[in-house]
Protein backbone atom coordinates (compact mmCIF):
# COMPACT_ATOMS: atom_id res chain seq x y z
CA MET A 1 -4.23 -19.96 23.18
CA PHE A 2 -7.63 -19.01 24.53
CA CYS A 3 -9.62 -16.12 23.14
CA LEU A 4 -10.42 -13.18 25.37
CA HIS A 5 -14.09 -13.13 26.45
CA PHE A 6 -16.05 -10.69 28.58
CA LEU A 7 -18.73 -12.67 30.41
CA VAL A 8 -21.81 -10.66 31.44
CA THR A 9 -24.88 -12.26 33.01
CA SER A 10 -28.35 -10.74 33.21
CA LEU A 11 -29.56 -9.61 36.64
CA PRO A 12 -32.90 -11.14 37.75
CA PHE A 13 -35.68 -8.69 38.66
CA ASN A 14 -36.19 -10.09 42.19
CA GLU A 15 -32.53 -9.46 43.00
CA LEU A 16 -32.87 -5.86 41.84
CA LYS A 17 -35.85 -5.50 44.15
CA LEU A 18 -33.91 -6.85 47.12
CA GLY A 19 -30.96 -4.62 46.33
CA ARG A 20 -28.56 -7.52 45.82
CA ARG A 21 -26.14 -7.56 42.89
CA LYS A 22 -24.26 -10.37 41.26
CA TYR A 23 -21.27 -9.66 39.10
CA SER A 24 -19.84 -12.05 36.56
CA GLU A 25 -16.15 -12.59 36.84
CA ARG A 26 -14.12 -11.44 33.85
CA MET A 27 -11.77 -14.05 32.50
CA TYR A 28 -8.76 -12.99 30.47
CA ALA A 29 -6.69 -15.22 28.25
CA GLU A 30 -2.96 -14.90 28.38
CA ARG A 31 -2.07 -12.30 25.78
CA ALA A 32 0.79 -12.93 23.38
CA LYS A 33 3.92 -10.81 23.89
CA PRO A 34 5.72 -10.98 20.53
CA LEU A 35 8.18 -8.16 21.24
CA ALA A 36 9.41 -10.02 24.31
CA GLN A 37 9.30 -13.60 23.10
CA TYR A 38 10.49 -13.39 19.48
CA THR A 39 13.89 -12.65 18.01
CA THR A 40 14.20 -9.99 15.29
CA GLU A 41 14.22 -12.69 12.61
CA GLU A 42 11.09 -14.27 14.06
CA LEU A 43 9.36 -10.88 14.13
CA TYR A 44 10.17 -10.35 10.45
CA ALA A 45 8.75 -13.77 9.64
CA ARG A 46 5.45 -13.06 11.42
CA PHE A 47 4.96 -9.28 11.10
CA CYS A 48 7.25 -8.24 8.20
CA PHE A 49 8.91 -5.69 10.51
CA GLY A 50 11.60 -5.91 13.18
CA ARG A 51 11.47 -4.66 16.76
CA ASP A 52 12.75 -1.12 16.12
CA ASN A 53 10.49 -0.67 13.09
CA ILE A 54 7.43 -1.82 15.01
CA LYS A 55 8.16 0.71 17.74
CA TYR A 56 8.66 3.38 15.06
CA ILE A 57 5.24 2.61 13.54
CA ALA A 58 3.63 2.61 16.99
CA ASP A 59 5.05 6.07 17.68
CA LEU A 60 3.50 7.37 14.45
CA VAL A 61 -0.03 6.41 15.52
CA ARG A 62 0.41 6.77 19.27
CA PRO A 63 -1.19 10.26 19.63
CA LYS A 64 -4.58 8.97 18.44
CA LEU A 65 -4.45 5.41 19.76
CA GLN A 66 -2.97 5.87 23.22
CA HIS A 67 -5.61 4.95 25.80
CA LYS A 68 -6.01 7.26 28.77
CA THR A 69 -7.26 4.58 31.11
CA LYS A 70 -4.97 2.74 33.52
CA ARG A 71 -6.83 -0.57 33.27
CA SER A 72 -4.40 -3.45 33.12
CA HIS A 73 -5.97 -5.26 30.18
CA VAL A 74 -6.17 -2.33 27.77
CA LEU A 75 -4.16 -2.95 24.61
CA SER A 76 -1.01 -0.88 24.28
CA VAL A 77 -0.32 0.93 21.02
CA GLU A 78 2.43 -1.58 20.27
CA GLU A 79 0.00 -4.47 20.76
CA GLN A 80 -2.55 -2.80 18.47
CA CYS A 81 0.09 -2.36 15.79
CA LEU A 82 1.20 -5.97 16.13
CA ILE A 83 -2.37 -7.17 15.61
CA VAL A 84 -2.69 -5.08 12.45
CA LEU A 85 0.73 -6.04 11.09
CA ARG A 86 -0.06 -9.71 11.69
CA PHE A 87 -3.27 -9.31 9.68
CA TYR A 88 -1.48 -7.45 6.87
CA ALA A 89 1.36 -9.95 6.76
CA SER A 90 -0.79 -13.08 6.81
CA GLY A 91 -3.97 -12.00 5.04
CA THR A 92 -5.90 -14.49 7.14
CA PHE A 93 -9.21 -14.21 9.00
CA TYR A 94 -9.66 -11.94 12.03
CA GLN A 95 -10.47 -14.99 14.17
CA VAL A 96 -7.13 -16.61 13.31
CA VAL A 97 -5.25 -13.39 14.06
CA GLY A 98 -7.05 -13.17 17.39
CA ASP A 99 -6.17 -16.75 18.26
CA ASN A 100 -2.51 -16.04 17.51
CA MET A 101 -2.42 -12.82 19.50
CA GLY A 102 -4.54 -13.88 22.48
CA VAL A 103 -7.50 -11.56 21.86
CA ASP A 104 -11.00 -12.15 20.56
CA LYS A 105 -12.28 -11.55 17.04
CA SER A 106 -14.19 -8.38 17.92
CA THR A 107 -11.03 -6.84 19.38
CA VAL A 108 -9.13 -7.61 16.18
CA THR A 109 -11.94 -6.05 14.13
CA ASN A 110 -11.93 -2.83 16.15
CA VAL A 111 -8.14 -2.57 16.25
CA VAL A 112 -7.71 -3.14 12.52
CA LYS A 113 -10.25 -0.43 11.73
CA ALA A 114 -8.74 2.07 14.16
CA VAL A 115 -5.11 1.55 13.19
CA LEU A 116 -5.67 1.44 9.44
CA VAL A 117 -7.49 4.79 9.56
CA GLU A 118 -4.51 6.35 11.34
CA LEU A 119 -1.99 4.79 8.97
CA ALA A 120 -4.00 5.81 5.92
CA SER A 121 -4.12 9.40 7.23
CA LEU A 122 -0.31 9.49 6.97
CA VAL A 123 -0.32 8.92 3.21
CA ASN A 124 0.58 12.55 2.39
CA GLU A 125 3.50 12.38 4.81
CA PHE A 126 4.97 9.21 3.31
CA VAL A 127 3.83 9.41 -0.32
CA SER A 128 4.83 12.54 -2.21
CA PHE A 129 5.75 13.24 -5.81
CA PRO A 130 9.44 14.18 -6.07
CA LYS A 131 10.54 17.76 -6.66
CA ASP A 132 12.40 18.61 -9.85
CA ASP A 133 15.80 18.17 -8.20
CA GLN A 134 14.74 14.72 -6.99
CA MET A 135 13.20 13.57 -10.29
CA ALA A 136 14.16 10.22 -11.80
CA HIS A 137 12.44 7.92 -14.32
CA SER A 138 9.13 6.98 -12.73
CA ILE A 139 6.41 4.51 -13.66
CA ASN A 140 2.69 5.24 -13.60
CA VAL A 141 0.24 2.36 -13.55
CA GLN A 142 -2.07 2.43 -10.60
CA LEU A 143 0.91 3.70 -8.63
CA VAL A 144 3.84 5.96 -9.41
CA ALA A 145 7.15 4.82 -8.01
CA ASN A 146 10.82 5.64 -8.43
CA ALA A 147 13.72 3.30 -9.13
CA ASP A 148 14.20 2.72 -5.39
CA LEU A 149 10.64 1.33 -5.14
CA ILE A 150 9.44 4.32 -3.13
CA ILE A 151 5.81 5.04 -4.02
CA THR A 152 5.56 8.71 -4.95
CA ASN A 153 1.90 8.94 -5.94
CA CYS A 154 -1.17 6.78 -5.55
CA VAL A 155 -4.84 6.85 -6.42
CA VAL A 156 -6.93 4.41 -4.39
CA LYS A 157 -10.62 4.96 -4.85
CA TRP A 158 -11.76 3.73 -8.28
CA PRO A 159 -13.38 0.33 -8.91
CA GLY A 160 -11.64 -2.19 -11.12
CA SER A 161 -14.00 -1.60 -14.04
CA VAL A 162 -12.76 1.98 -14.52
CA HIS A 163 -10.20 2.38 -17.30
CA TYR A 164 -6.64 3.32 -16.35
CA ALA A 165 -6.76 6.35 -18.67
CA HIS A 166 -9.87 7.65 -16.92
CA ILE A 167 -8.22 7.27 -13.50
CA LEU A 168 -5.23 9.25 -14.76
CA ARG A 169 -7.41 11.93 -16.35
CA GLU A 170 -9.30 12.49 -13.09
CA SER A 171 -6.23 12.48 -10.86
CA ALA A 172 -4.59 15.43 -9.12
CA LEU A 173 -1.28 14.26 -10.59
CA TYR A 174 -2.57 14.78 -14.14
CA ARG A 175 -3.83 18.28 -13.34
CA LYS A 176 -0.54 19.18 -11.70
CA LEU A 177 1.77 17.85 -14.42
CA ARG A 178 -0.37 19.14 -17.28
CA SER A 179 0.19 22.71 -16.10
CA ASN A 180 3.67 22.22 -14.64
CA ARG A 181 5.65 19.68 -16.66
CA PRO A 182 8.27 17.95 -14.49
CA ASN A 183 11.99 17.93 -15.17
CA GLY A 184 11.82 14.34 -16.30
CA ILE A 185 9.33 11.81 -17.62
CA ILE A 186 7.04 9.08 -16.33
CA LEU A 187 6.88 5.71 -18.06
CA GLY A 188 3.49 4.08 -18.56
CA ASP A 189 2.29 0.87 -20.15
CA SER A 190 0.17 0.66 -23.28
CA ALA A 191 -3.06 1.34 -21.36
CA TYR A 192 -1.99 4.96 -20.92
CA PRO A 193 -1.95 7.83 -23.44
CA LEU A 194 1.26 9.24 -24.86
CA LEU A 195 1.73 12.71 -23.34
CA SER A 196 4.55 15.22 -23.12
CA TRP A 197 5.51 13.93 -19.66
CA LEU A 198 4.20 10.34 -19.98
CA MET A 199 6.06 8.06 -22.38
CA THR A 200 4.61 4.82 -23.72
CA ARG A 201 6.23 2.29 -26.06
CA PHE A 202 5.94 2.38 -29.84
CA PRO A 203 3.04 0.04 -30.75
CA VAL A 204 5.20 -1.22 -33.62
CA ALA A 205 8.94 -0.54 -33.75
CA ASN A 206 9.70 0.39 -37.37
CA THR A 207 13.38 1.21 -36.86
CA PRO A 208 16.24 -0.21 -34.78
CA GLU A 209 16.20 3.02 -32.77
CA GLN A 210 12.53 2.60 -31.90
CA ALA A 211 13.19 -1.02 -30.95
CA GLY A 212 15.99 0.20 -28.67
CA PHE A 213 13.62 2.67 -27.06
CA ASN A 214 11.00 -0.05 -26.50
CA SER A 215 13.59 -2.36 -24.97
CA ALA A 216 14.85 0.33 -22.57
CA HIS A 217 11.27 1.29 -21.72
CA CYS A 218 10.40 -2.32 -20.84
CA LYS A 219 13.53 -2.83 -18.72
CA THR A 220 12.92 0.38 -16.77
CA ARG A 221 9.26 -0.47 -16.20
CA CYS A 222 10.36 -3.71 -14.54
CA ALA A 223 10.58 -1.64 -11.33
CA ILE A 224 6.79 -1.23 -11.09
CA GLU A 225 6.23 -4.95 -11.63
CA HIS A 226 8.82 -5.63 -8.95
CA LEU A 227 7.02 -3.18 -6.66
CA ASN A 228 3.70 -4.96 -7.15
CA GLY A 229 5.36 -8.23 -6.21
CA VAL A 230 6.99 -6.70 -3.14
CA LEU A 231 3.69 -5.24 -1.91
CA LYS A 232 1.85 -8.55 -2.22
CA ARG A 233 4.78 -10.45 -0.72
CA ARG A 234 5.10 -8.10 2.24
CA PHE A 235 1.36 -7.72 2.82
CA ALA A 236 -0.36 -10.97 1.89
CA CYS A 237 -3.77 -9.47 2.71
CA LEU A 238 -3.55 -7.50 -0.57
CA ASN A 239 -3.94 -10.72 -2.54
CA TYR A 240 -7.52 -11.04 -1.33
CA LEU A 241 -9.37 -8.60 0.91
CA ARG A 242 -12.58 -9.84 2.53
CA VAL A 243 -13.84 -6.37 3.47
CA GLU A 244 -16.14 -3.70 2.07
CA PRO A 245 -14.66 -1.37 -0.61
CA LYS A 246 -14.15 1.65 1.68
CA VAL A 247 -12.26 -0.41 4.23
CA ALA A 248 -10.26 -2.04 1.42
CA CYS A 249 -9.16 1.39 0.18
CA ASN A 250 -7.92 2.32 3.66
CA ILE A 251 -6.10 -1.00 4.01
CA ILE A 252 -4.34 -0.42 0.69
CA LEU A 253 -3.36 3.12 1.69
CA ALA A 254 -2.09 1.85 5.04
CA CYS A 255 -0.01 -0.82 3.29
CA ILE A 256 1.43 1.84 0.95
CA VAL A 257 2.48 3.93 3.96
CA LEU A 258 4.00 0.86 5.63
CA HIS A 259 5.79 -0.10 2.40
CA ASN A 260 7.46 3.31 2.12
CA ILE A 261 8.44 3.12 5.80
CA ALA A 262 9.89 -0.35 5.27
CA THR A 263 11.78 0.68 2.13
CA ARG A 264 13.26 3.83 3.67
CA ARG A 265 14.29 1.92 6.79
CA ASN A 266 15.77 -0.96 4.75
CA VAL A 267 13.47 -3.61 6.21
CA PRO A 268 14.60 -6.88 4.56
CA LEU A 269 12.38 -8.88 2.26
CA ASP A 270 13.02 -12.09 0.37
CA ASP A 271 13.11 -11.26 -3.34
CA ILE A 272 10.83 -13.62 -5.23
CA TYR A 273 10.42 -11.46 -8.32
CA ASP A 274 10.56 -13.53 -11.52
CA GLY A 275 10.25 -10.85 -14.17
CA PRO A 276 7.84 -8.32 -15.70
CA GLU A 277 4.38 -9.18 -16.86
CA PRO A 278 3.54 -8.29 -20.47
CA ASP A 279 1.61 -5.10 -21.14
CA GLU A 280 -2.11 -5.64 -21.51
CA MET A 281 -4.00 -2.92 -23.33
CA GLN A 282 -7.40 -2.26 -21.82
CA PRO A 283 -10.03 -2.32 -24.59
CA GLY A 284 -12.02 0.71 -25.55
CA GLN A 285 -9.74 3.49 -24.31
CA PRO A 286 -11.87 6.63 -24.14
CA PRO A 287 -10.64 9.65 -26.20
CA MET A 288 -10.51 11.95 -23.18
CA PHE A 289 -7.20 13.66 -23.84
CA ALA A 290 -6.75 16.66 -26.09
CA PRO A 291 -5.28 15.78 -29.55
CA ASN A 292 -2.42 18.25 -29.13
CA GLU A 293 -1.32 16.45 -25.96
CA GLY A 294 -0.70 13.27 -27.91
CA GLN A 295 1.06 15.16 -30.72
CA THR A 296 3.43 16.81 -28.24
CA GLY A 297 4.12 13.42 -26.67
CA ARG A 298 5.06 11.96 -30.08
CA VAL A 299 7.43 14.84 -30.78
CA ILE A 300 9.16 14.37 -27.44
CA ARG A 301 9.36 10.59 -27.81
CA ASP A 302 10.87 10.94 -31.28
CA ALA A 303 13.41 13.42 -29.91
CA ILE A 304 14.41 10.95 -27.17
CA VAL A 305 14.91 8.25 -29.80
CA ARG A 306 17.06 10.55 -31.96
CA HIS A 307 19.26 11.72 -29.10
CA TYR A 308 19.67 8.54 -27.05
CA PHE A 309 19.01 5.55 -29.31
CA ARG A 310 20.80 6.47 -32.53
CA LEU A 311 22.84 3.52 -33.70
CA MET A 312 26.58 3.88 -33.62
CA THR A 313 28.12 3.96 -37.11
């Protein structure tokens, strides 16, 4: 397909003086119409969402992205969403996305920025920590998710060099749960501190009961590893983002919103998950948590072992 170009020529001075005007003729490439030309299966393969789900997403961002003009070549909200979903699903260059969709690279750039800001603004609507009556075992790494792979909390602003424990300590989730312990627990890997509401594995299992706890902890934490695989499978752009950090944060937030939409609406995805990755302790964990927090966590973890992992005699 041809890219869309707006051709503008300069107007010579002598023609201005004579009052004559010459206008360049705009040439438009034929724009792709995926919703009309593809089956539902073909839409899933190219955009990770089916026809009804794409329309649902378009309705979410329509109030801010609906153009008031009646010009025939203005992109509809659905077309803008398709451009963004194609970029998220493929992770390729803007130029390639434009070639596929029948628009130019600058249009893709502007659309991606506009739509991702609107999607990212919906994060509080689609990502919320469960209430006590909704609580189940959750996993906290860089994300908190439940067993259904719904993301319930996220922090997307720190660079990769910042320690996981520091990110947790500075998060709103930590402040909330420190003062209002949930009716349940969160499971974290060995990079996190042991707290009253955040359970980590025993570094060394000295009893069969502790080994049973570690085994159950690992099996339950498989959900977060599965979630990471699903996110990167559904949105290939997350494997490598060629954008500045601020834009990358918004893209990640937008993908989190889209993931929760897809999960709640049962959008299909091929399962390519092979198993959990081993815990990797980040070196030099800063002692930023109060000593009594860790002591309370050990008491609670020991109580869980006594009540739920005692060997049958």
